[in-house]
Amino acid sequence: MNTDETNNQYFFSSNFYLSIFLTLKNLRLVDIDRTNPQRAQFIFIDIPEREALVRQYNFAERNSPEVMVDAREFEQAIKSLKDRLYQERE
């Protein structure tokens, strides 16, 4: 399998809050790439719906139901992603 085919299976984002949103929308985070020590890349298994989710996150109207998430789940997802981000550095 070549690198292009492998990369098409994954979605990469360095946007922390987009990564939280995608996590809450059930995309599976498989790894965190720290090649650039200034900015981590979150790596997700890509799914067909991902493009629409990113579009919703970036362009949905304020209070749009597509981007509304439970505040407690949002807080827990932030804690979980930060734990994973910093734990793997040690």
PDB file of N, CA and C in Angstrom:
ATOM      1  N   MET A   1       0.854  -1.181   0.000  1.00  0.00           N
ATOM      2  CA  MET A   1       0.000   0.000   0.000  1.00  0.00           C
ATOM      3  C   MET A   1       0.894   1.236   0.000  1.00  0.00           C
ATOM      4  N   ASN A   2       0.615   2.205  -0.876  1.00  0.00           N
ATOM      5  CA  ASN A   2       1.466   3.384  -0.907  1.00  0.00           C
ATOM      6  C   ASN A   2       1.011   4.420   0.115  1.00  0.00           C
ATOM      7  N   THR A   3       1.840   5.440   0.321  1.00  0.00           N
ATOM      8  CA  THR A   3       1.585   6.452   1.334  1.00  0.00           C
ATOM      9  C   THR A   3       0.307   7.231   1.062  1.00  0.00           C
ATOM     10  N   ASP A   4       0.022   7.544  -0.201  1.00  0.00           N
ATOM     11  CA  ASP A   4      -1.202   8.282  -0.530  1.00  0.00           C
ATOM     12  C   ASP A   4      -2.445   7.496  -0.127  1.00  0.00           C
ATOM     13  N   GLU A   5      -2.452   6.191  -0.383  1.00  0.00           N
ATOM     14  CA  GLU A   5      -3.595   5.364   0.003  1.00  0.00           C
ATOM     15  C   GLU A   5      -3.747   5.322   1.521  1.00  0.00           C
ATOM     16  N   THR A   6      -2.633   5.229   2.227  1.00  0.00           N
ATOM     17  CA  THR A   6      -2.663   5.205   3.687  1.00  0.00           C
ATOM     18  C   THR A   6      -3.182   6.530   4.223  1.00  0.00           C
ATOM     19  N   ASN A   7      -2.696   7.659   3.695  1.00  0.00           N
ATOM     20  CA  ASN A   7      -3.127   8.969   4.154  1.00  0.00           C
ATOM     21  C   ASN A   7      -4.604   9.206   3.882  1.00  0.00           C
ATOM     22  N   ASN A   8      -5.159   8.600   2.826  1.00  0.00           N
ATOM     23  CA  ASN A   8      -6.581   8.763   2.528  1.00  0.00           C
ATOM     24  C   ASN A   8      -7.470   8.071   3.554  1.00  0.00           C
ATOM     25  N   GLN A   9      -6.918   7.164   4.316  1.00  0.00           N
ATOM     26  CA  GLN A   9      -7.678   6.466   5.346  1.00  0.00           C
ATOM     27  C   GLN A   9      -7.779   7.290   6.622  1.00  0.00           C
ATOM     28  N   TYR A  10      -6.987   8.345   6.708  1.00  0.00           N
ATOM     29  CA  TYR A  10      -6.897   9.139   7.924  1.00  0.00           C
ATOM     30  C   TYR A  10      -7.180  10.609   7.641  1.00  0.00           C
ATOM     31  N   PHE A  11      -7.654  11.294   8.673  1.00  0.00           N
ATOM     32  CA  PHE A  11      -7.836  12.730   8.612  1.00  0.00           C
ATOM     33  C   PHE A  11      -6.943  13.346   9.675  1.00  0.00           C
ATOM     34  N   PHE A  12      -6.173  14.355   9.288  1.00  0.00           N
ATOM     35  CA  PHE A  12      -5.232  15.018  10.181  1.00  0.00           C
ATOM     36  C   PHE A  12      -5.727  16.426  10.497  1.00  0.00           C
ATOM     37  N   SER A  13      -5.649  16.810  11.752  1.00  0.00           N
ATOM     38  CA  SER A  13      -6.023  18.166  12.142  1.00  0.00           C
ATOM     39  C   SER A  13      -5.112  18.636  13.265  1.00  0.00           C
ATOM     40  N   SER A  14      -4.671  19.880  13.174  1.00  0.00           N
ATOM     41  CA  SER A  14      -3.920  20.472  14.274  1.00  0.00           C
ATOM     42  C   SER A  14      -4.814  21.406  15.094  1.00  0.00           C
ATOM     43  N   ASN A  15      -6.085  21.483  14.739  1.00  0.00           N
ATOM     44  CA  ASN A  15      -7.043  22.322  15.460  1.00  0.00           C
ATOM     45  C   ASN A  15      -7.608  21.530  16.643  1.00  0.00           C
ATOM     46  N   PHE A  16      -7.241  21.951  17.853  1.00  0.00           N
ATOM     47  CA  PHE A  16      -7.630  21.234  19.063  1.00  0.00           C
ATOM     48  C   PHE A  16      -9.151  21.149  19.200  1.00  0.00           C
ATOM     49  N   TYR A  17      -9.840  22.277  19.039  1.00  0.00           N
ATOM     50  CA  TYR A  17     -11.289  22.275  19.265  1.00  0.00           C
ATOM     51  C   TYR A  17     -12.056  21.560  18.144  1.00  0.00           C
ATOM     52  N   LEU A  18     -11.568  21.613  16.929  1.00  0.00           N
ATOM     53  CA  LEU A  18     -12.165  20.794  15.874  1.00  0.00           C
ATOM     54  C   LEU A  18     -11.999  19.322  16.228  1.00  0.00           C
ATOM     55  N   SER A  19     -10.846  18.966  16.745  1.00  0.00           N
ATOM     56  CA  SER A  19     -10.599  17.580  17.136  1.00  0.00           C
ATOM     57  C   SER A  19     -11.544  17.147  18.250  1.00  0.00           C
ATOM     58  N   ILE A  20     -11.828  18.040  19.182  1.00  0.00           N
ATOM     59  CA  ILE A  20     -12.804  17.739  20.230  1.00  0.00           C
ATOM     60  C   ILE A  20     -14.179  17.495  19.597  1.00  0.00           C
ATOM     61  N   PHE A  21     -14.569  18.400  18.710  1.00  0.00           N
ATOM     62  CA  PHE A  21     -15.867  18.281  18.040  1.00  0.00           C
ATOM     63  C   PHE A  21     -15.972  16.955  17.290  1.00  0.00           C
ATOM     64  N   LEU A  22     -14.927  16.605  16.533  1.00  0.00           N
ATOM     65  CA  LEU A  22     -14.954  15.349  15.772  1.00  0.00           C
ATOM     66  C   LEU A  22     -15.018  14.143  16.695  1.00  0.00           C
ATOM     67  N   THR A  23     -14.328  14.229  17.822  1.00  0.00           N
ATOM     68  CA  THR A  23     -14.389  13.153  18.813  1.00  0.00           C
ATOM     69  C   THR A  23     -15.817  12.986  19.322  1.00  0.00           C
ATOM     70  N   LEU A  24     -16.472  14.114  19.610  1.00  0.00           N
ATOM     71  CA  LEU A  24     -17.850  14.057  20.095  1.00  0.00           C
ATOM     72  C   LEU A  24     -18.821  13.568  19.023  1.00  0.00           C
ATOM     73  N   LYS A  25     -18.437  13.704  17.768  1.00  0.00           N
ATOM     74  CA  LYS A  25     -19.263  13.214  16.661  1.00  0.00           C
ATOM     75  C   LYS A  25     -18.854  11.805  16.247  1.00  0.00           C
ATOM     76  N   ASN A  26     -18.111  11.134  17.129  1.00  0.00           N
ATOM     77  CA  ASN A  26     -17.776   9.709  17.009  1.00  0.00           C
ATOM     78  C   ASN A  26     -16.720   9.369  15.971  1.00  0.00           C
ATOM     79  N   LEU A  27     -15.868  10.322  15.605  1.00  0.00           N
ATOM     80  CA  LEU A  27     -14.694   9.945  14.821  1.00  0.00           C
ATOM     81  C   LEU A  27     -13.662   9.381  15.794  1.00  0.00           C
ATOM     82  N   ARG A  28     -12.962   8.355  15.359  1.00  0.00           N
ATOM     83  CA  ARG A  28     -12.021   7.685  16.244  1.00  0.00           C
ATOM     84  C   ARG A  28     -10.628   8.279  16.103  1.00  0.00           C
ATOM     85  N   LEU A  29     -10.130   8.848  17.193  1.00  0.00           N
ATOM     86  CA  LEU A  29      -8.769   9.361  17.247  1.00  0.00           C
ATOM     87  C   LEU A  29      -7.831   8.175  17.415  1.00  0.00           C
ATOM     88  N   VAL A  30      -6.892   8.021  16.475  1.00  0.00           N
ATOM     89  CA  VAL A  30      -6.010   6.855  16.539  1.00  0.00           C
ATOM     90  C   VAL A  30      -4.597   7.191  16.996  1.00  0.00           C
ATOM     91  N   ASP A  31      -4.205   8.460  16.830  1.00  0.00           N
ATOM     92  CA  ASP A  31      -2.846   8.818  17.220  1.00  0.00           C
ATOM     93  C   ASP A  31      -2.715  10.329  17.284  1.00  0.00           C
ATOM     94  N   ILE A  32      -1.631  10.759  17.896  1.00  0.00           N
ATOM     95  CA  ILE A  32      -1.262  12.169  17.924  1.00  0.00           C
ATOM     96  C   ILE A  32       0.170  12.253  17.419  1.00  0.00           C
ATOM     97  N   ASP A  33       0.367  13.003  16.350  1.00  0.00           N
ATOM     98  CA  ASP A  33       1.696  13.160  15.750  1.00  0.00           C
ATOM     99  C   ASP A  33       2.348  14.413  16.334  1.00  0.00           C
ATOM    100  N   ARG A  34       3.500  14.229  16.962  1.00  0.00           N
ATOM    101  CA  ARG A  34       4.229  15.348  17.559  1.00  0.00           C
ATOM    102  C   ARG A  34       5.530  15.641  16.824  1.00  0.00           C
ATOM    103  N   THR A  35       5.573  15.345  15.532  1.00  0.00           N
ATOM    104  CA  THR A  35       6.776  15.610  14.748  1.00  0.00           C
ATOM    105  C   THR A  35       7.169  17.071  14.880  1.00  0.00           C
ATOM    106  N   ASN A  36       6.205  17.971  14.826  1.00  0.00           N
ATOM    107  CA  ASN A  36       6.431  19.397  15.060  1.00  0.00           C
ATOM    108  C   ASN A  36       6.135  19.653  16.534  1.00  0.00           C
ATOM    109  N   PRO A  37       7.161  19.932  17.346  1.00  0.00           N
ATOM    110  CA  PRO A  37       6.936  20.102  18.782  1.00  0.00           C
ATOM    111  C   PRO A  37       6.068  21.322  19.131  1.00  0.00           C
ATOM    112  N   GLN A  38       5.884  22.223  18.175  1.00  0.00           N
ATOM    113  CA  GLN A  38       5.076  23.418  18.413  1.00  0.00           C
ATOM    114  C   GLN A  38       3.585  23.193  18.171  1.00  0.00           C
ATOM    115  N   ARG A  39       3.259  22.155  17.410  1.00  0.00           N
ATOM    116  CA  ARG A  39       1.849  21.957  17.032  1.00  0.00           C
ATOM    117  C   ARG A  39       1.580  20.483  16.750  1.00  0.00           C
ATOM    118  N   ALA A  40       0.835  19.860  17.618  1.00  0.00           N
ATOM    119  CA  ALA A  40       0.495  18.446  17.450  1.00  0.00           C
ATOM    120  C   ALA A  40      -0.541  18.288  16.335  1.00  0.00           C
ATOM    121  N   GLN A  41      -0.506  17.129  15.702  1.00  0.00           N
ATOM    122  CA  GLN A  41      -1.508  16.764  14.692  1.00  0.00           C
ATOM    123  C   GLN A  41      -2.317  15.603  15.260  1.00  0.00           C
ATOM    124  N   PHE A  42      -3.627  15.771  15.281  1.00  0.00           N
ATOM    125  CA  PHE A  42      -4.524  14.722  15.735  1.00  0.00           C
ATOM    126  C   PHE A  42      -4.922  13.900  14.508  1.00  0.00           C
ATOM    127  N   ILE A  43      -4.809  12.594  14.637  1.00  0.00           N
ATOM    128  CA  ILE A  43      -5.037  11.698  13.497  1.00  0.00           C
ATOM    129  C   ILE A  43      -6.273  10.849  13.770  1.00  0.00           C
ATOM    130  N   PHE A  44      -7.244  10.969  12.874  1.00  0.00           N
ATOM    131  CA  PHE A  44      -8.514  10.260  12.994  1.00  0.00           C
ATOM    132  C   PHE A  44      -8.663   9.264  11.850  1.00  0.00           C
ATOM    133  N   ILE A  45      -9.395   8.179  12.114  1.00  0.00           N
ATOM    134  CA  ILE A  45      -9.851   7.315  11.028  1.00  0.00           C
ATOM    135  C   ILE A  45     -10.847   8.149  10.233  1.00  0.00           C
ATOM    136  N   ASP A  46     -10.636   8.265   8.941  1.00  0.00           N
ATOM    137  CA  ASP A  46     -11.516   9.090   8.112  1.00  0.00           C
ATOM    138  C   ASP A  46     -12.792   8.331   7.773  1.00  0.00           C
ATOM    139  N   ILE A  47     -13.882   9.064   7.733  1.00  0.00           N
ATOM    140  CA  ILE A  47     -15.178   8.502   7.351  1.00  0.00           C
ATOM    141  C   ILE A  47     -15.812   9.439   6.332  1.00  0.00           C
ATOM    142  N   PRO A  48     -16.740   8.946   5.533  1.00  0.00           N
ATOM    143  CA  PRO A  48     -17.354   9.809   4.511  1.00  0.00           C
ATOM    144  C   PRO A  48     -18.020  11.063   5.096  1.00  0.00           C
ATOM    145  N   GLU A  49     -18.568  10.979   6.289  1.00  0.00           N
ATOM    146  CA  GLU A  49     -19.268  12.117   6.894  1.00  0.00           C
ATOM    147  C   GLU A  49     -18.335  13.190   7.422  1.00  0.00           C
ATOM    148  N   ARG A  50     -17.045  12.892   7.511  1.00  0.00           N
ATOM    149  CA  ARG A  50     -16.097  13.824   8.118  1.00  0.00           C
ATOM    150  C   ARG A  50     -16.081  15.186   7.422  1.00  0.00           C
ATOM    151  N   GLU A  51     -16.097  15.201   6.113  1.00  0.00           N
ATOM    152  CA  GLU A  51     -16.048  16.469   5.384  1.00  0.00           C
ATOM    153  C   GLU A  51     -17.233  17.363   5.768  1.00  0.00           C
ATOM    154  N   ALA A  52     -18.416  16.792   5.854  1.00  0.00           N
ATOM    155  CA  ALA A  52     -19.603  17.565   6.250  1.00  0.00           C
ATOM    156  C   ALA A  52     -19.488  18.047   7.694  1.00  0.00           C
ATOM    157  N   LEU A  53     -18.934  17.226   8.560  1.00  0.00           N
ATOM    158  CA  LEU A  53     -18.763  17.633   9.954  1.00  0.00           C
ATOM    159  C   LEU A  53     -17.799  18.811  10.082  1.00  0.00           C
ATOM    160  N   VAL A  54     -16.710  18.769   9.339  1.00  0.00           N
ATOM    161  CA  VAL A  54     -15.749  19.880   9.370  1.00  0.00           C
ATOM    162  C   VAL A  54     -16.410  21.147   8.836  1.00  0.00           C
ATOM    163  N   ARG A  55     -17.170  21.004   7.773  1.00  0.00           N
ATOM    164  CA  ARG A  55     -17.887  22.154   7.211  1.00  0.00           C
ATOM    165  C   ARG A  55     -18.868  22.721   8.231  1.00  0.00           C
ATOM    166  N   GLN A  56     -19.599  21.851   8.906  1.00  0.00           N
ATOM    167  CA  GLN A  56     -20.526  22.304   9.943  1.00  0.00           C
ATOM    168  C   GLN A  56     -19.790  23.049  11.046  1.00  0.00           C
ATOM    169  N   TYR A  57     -18.695  22.479  11.512  1.00  0.00           N
ATOM    170  CA  TYR A  57     -17.918  23.107  12.583  1.00  0.00           C
ATOM    171  C   TYR A  57     -17.460  24.507  12.173  1.00  0.00           C
ATOM    172  N   ASN A  58     -16.986  24.631  10.950  1.00  0.00           N
ATOM    173  CA  ASN A  58     -16.428  25.905  10.500  1.00  0.00           C
ATOM    174  C   ASN A  58     -17.472  26.935  10.083  1.00  0.00           C
ATOM    175  N   PHE A  59     -18.607  26.497   9.541  1.00  0.00           N
ATOM    176  CA  PHE A  59     -19.506  27.449   8.892  1.00  0.00           C
ATOM    177  C   PHE A  59     -20.951  27.437   9.376  1.00  0.00           C
ATOM    178  N   ALA A  60     -21.295  26.589  10.308  1.00  0.00           N
ATOM    179  CA  ALA A  60     -22.693  26.535  10.762  1.00  0.00           C
ATOM    180  C   ALA A  60     -23.076  27.834  11.460  1.00  0.00           C
ATOM    181  N   GLU A  61     -24.347  28.177  11.350  1.00  0.00           N
ATOM    182  CA  GLU A  61     -24.877  29.341  12.039  1.00  0.00           C
ATOM    183  C   GLU A  61     -24.784  29.131  13.551  1.00  0.00           C
ATOM    184  N   ARG A  62     -24.688  30.223  14.266  1.00  0.00           N
ATOM    185  CA  ARG A  62     -24.672  30.158  15.726  1.00  0.00           C
ATOM    186  C   ARG A  62     -25.933  29.432  16.211  1.00  0.00           C
ATOM    187  N   ASN A  63     -25.774  28.566  17.197  1.00  0.00           N
ATOM    188  CA  ASN A  63     -26.855  27.768  17.784  1.00  0.00           C
ATOM    189  C   ASN A  63     -27.477  26.764  16.818  1.00  0.00           C
ATOM    190  N   SER A  64     -26.764  26.456  15.750  1.00  0.00           N
ATOM    191  CA  SER A  64     -27.244  25.448  14.806  1.00  0.00           C
ATOM    192  C   SER A  64     -27.243  24.084  15.491  1.00  0.00           C
ATOM    193  N   PRO A  65     -28.313  23.314  15.351  1.00  0.00           N
ATOM    194  CA  PRO A  65     -28.378  22.001  15.996  1.00  0.00           C
ATOM    195  C   PRO A  65     -27.247  21.058  15.573  1.00  0.00           C
ATOM    196  N   GLU A  66     -26.723  21.232  14.363  1.00  0.00           N
ATOM    197  CA  GLU A  66     -25.650  20.346  13.885  1.00  0.00           C
ATOM    198  C   GLU A  66     -24.373  20.456  14.715  1.00  0.00           C
ATOM    199  N   VAL A  67     -24.150  21.614  15.331  1.00  0.00           N
ATOM    200  CA  VAL A  67     -22.902  21.798  16.072  1.00  0.00           C
ATOM    201  C   VAL A  67     -23.103  21.867  17.580  1.00  0.00           C
ATOM    202  N   MET A  68     -24.332  21.778  18.017  1.00  0.00           N
ATOM    203  CA  MET A  68     -24.587  21.806  19.456  1.00  0.00           C
ATOM    204  C   MET A  68     -24.161  20.475  20.070  1.00  0.00           C
ATOM    205  N   VAL A  69     -23.452  20.567  21.197  1.00  0.00           N
ATOM    206  CA  VAL A  69     -23.020  19.377  21.931  1.00  0.00           C
ATOM    207  C   VAL A  69     -23.301  19.606  23.413  1.00  0.00           C
ATOM    208  N   ASP A  70     -23.402  18.537  24.146  1.00  0.00           N
ATOM    209  CA  ASP A  70     -23.618  18.617  25.583  1.00  0.00           C
ATOM    210  C   ASP A  70     -22.373  19.206  26.254  1.00  0.00           C
ATOM    211  N   ALA A  71     -22.569  20.205  27.090  1.00  0.00           N
ATOM    212  CA  ALA A  71     -21.448  20.893  27.742  1.00  0.00           C
ATOM    213  C   ALA A  71     -20.609  19.943  28.591  1.00  0.00           C
ATOM    214  N   ARG A  72     -21.246  19.010  29.274  1.00  0.00           N
ATOM    215  CA  ARG A  72     -20.489  18.067  30.114  1.00  0.00           C
ATOM    216  C   ARG A  72     -19.653  17.122  29.262  1.00  0.00           C
ATOM    217  N   GLU A  73     -20.219  16.683  28.145  1.00  0.00           N
ATOM    218  CA  GLU A  73     -19.458  15.825  27.237  1.00  0.00           C
ATOM    219  C   GLU A  73     -18.298  16.599  26.624  1.00  0.00           C
ATOM    220  N   PHE A  74     -18.538  17.868  26.298  1.00  0.00           N
ATOM    221  CA  PHE A  74     -17.487  18.731  25.740  1.00  0.00           C
ATOM    222  C   PHE A  74     -16.342  18.880  26.743  1.00  0.00           C
ATOM    223  N   GLU A  75     -16.686  19.160  27.996  1.00  0.00           N
ATOM    224  CA  GLU A  75     -15.665  19.305  29.042  1.00  0.00           C
ATOM    225  C   GLU A  75     -14.885  18.006  29.226  1.00  0.00           C
ATOM    226  N   GLN A  76     -15.581  16.884  29.264  1.00  0.00           N
ATOM    227  CA  GLN A  76     -14.920  15.596  29.434  1.00  0.00           C
ATOM    228  C   GLN A  76     -14.015  15.277  28.250  1.00  0.00           C
ATOM    229  N   ALA A  77     -14.464  15.601  27.040  1.00  0.00           N
ATOM    230  CA  ALA A  77     -13.645  15.350  25.846  1.00  0.00           C
ATOM    231  C   ALA A  77     -12.380  16.202  25.870  1.00  0.00           C
ATOM    232  N   ILE A  78     -12.475  17.448  26.332  1.00  0.00           N
ATOM    233  CA  ILE A  78     -11.291  18.313  26.456  1.00  0.00           C
ATOM    234  C   ILE A  78     -10.302  17.694  27.428  1.00  0.00           C
ATOM    235  N   LYS A  79     -10.790  17.298  28.602  1.00  0.00           N
ATOM    236  CA  LYS A  79      -9.906  16.688  29.604  1.00  0.00           C
ATOM    237  C   LYS A  79      -9.242  15.431  29.061  1.00  0.00           C
ATOM    238  N   SER A  80     -10.029  14.602  28.412  1.00  0.00           N
ATOM    239  CA  SER A  80      -9.514  13.340  27.885  1.00  0.00           C
ATOM    240  C   SER A  80      -8.445  13.576  26.813  1.00  0.00           C
ATOM    241  N   LEU A  81      -8.717  14.499  25.889  1.00  0.00           N
ATOM    242  CA  LEU A  81      -7.759  14.763  24.819  1.00  0.00           C
ATOM    243  C   LEU A  81      -6.489  15.409  25.371  1.00  0.00           C
ATOM    244  N   LYS A  82      -6.621  16.320  26.329  1.00  0.00           N
ATOM    245  CA  LYS A  82      -5.441  16.923  26.948  1.00  0.00           C
ATOM    246  C   LYS A  82      -4.624  15.875  27.698  1.00  0.00           C
ATOM    247  N   ASP A  83      -5.306  14.992  28.431  1.00  0.00           N
ATOM    248  CA  ASP A  83      -4.588  13.916  29.130  1.00  0.00           C
ATOM    249  C   ASP A  83      -3.787  13.083  28.142  1.00  0.00           C
ATOM    250  N   ARG A  84      -4.419  12.723  27.046  1.00  0.00           N
ATOM    251  CA  ARG A  84      -3.733  11.903  26.040  1.00  0.00           C
ATOM    252  C   ARG A  84      -2.585  12.669  25.399  1.00  0.00           C
ATOM    253  N   LEU A  85      -2.807  13.932  25.127  1.00  0.00           N
ATOM    254  CA  LEU A  85      -1.793  14.772  24.501  1.00  0.00           C
ATOM    255  C   LEU A  85      -0.546  14.891  25.387  1.00  0.00           C
ATOM    256  N   TYR A  86      -0.735  15.160  26.660  1.00  0.00           N
ATOM    257  CA  TYR A  86       0.396  15.380  27.557  1.00  0.00           C
ATOM    258  C   TYR A  86       0.954  14.082  28.129  1.00  0.00           C
ATOM    259  N   GLN A  87       0.130  13.071  28.301  1.00  0.00           N
ATOM    260  CA  GLN A  87       0.589  11.797  28.833  1.00  0.00           C
ATOM    261  C   GLN A  87       1.576  11.137  27.882  1.00  0.00           C
ATOM    262  N   GLU A  88       1.319  11.218  26.601  1.00  0.00           N
ATOM    263  CA  GLU A  88       2.167  10.552  25.632  1.00  0.00           C
ATOM    264  C   GLU A  88       3.504  11.273  25.440  1.00  0.00           C
ATOM    265  N   ARG A  89       3.634  12.485  25.963  1.00  0.00           N
ATOM    266  CA  ARG A  89       4.912  13.201  25.885  1.00  0.00           C
ATOM    267  C   ARG A  89       5.916  12.664  26.881  1.00  0.00           C
ATOM    268  N   GLU A  90       5.432  12.127  27.976  1.00  0.00           N
ATOM    269  CA  GLU A  90       6.315  11.678  29.058  1.00  0.00           C
ATOM    270  C   GLU A  90       7.115  10.473  28.682  1.00  0.00           C
TER     271      GLU A  90
END
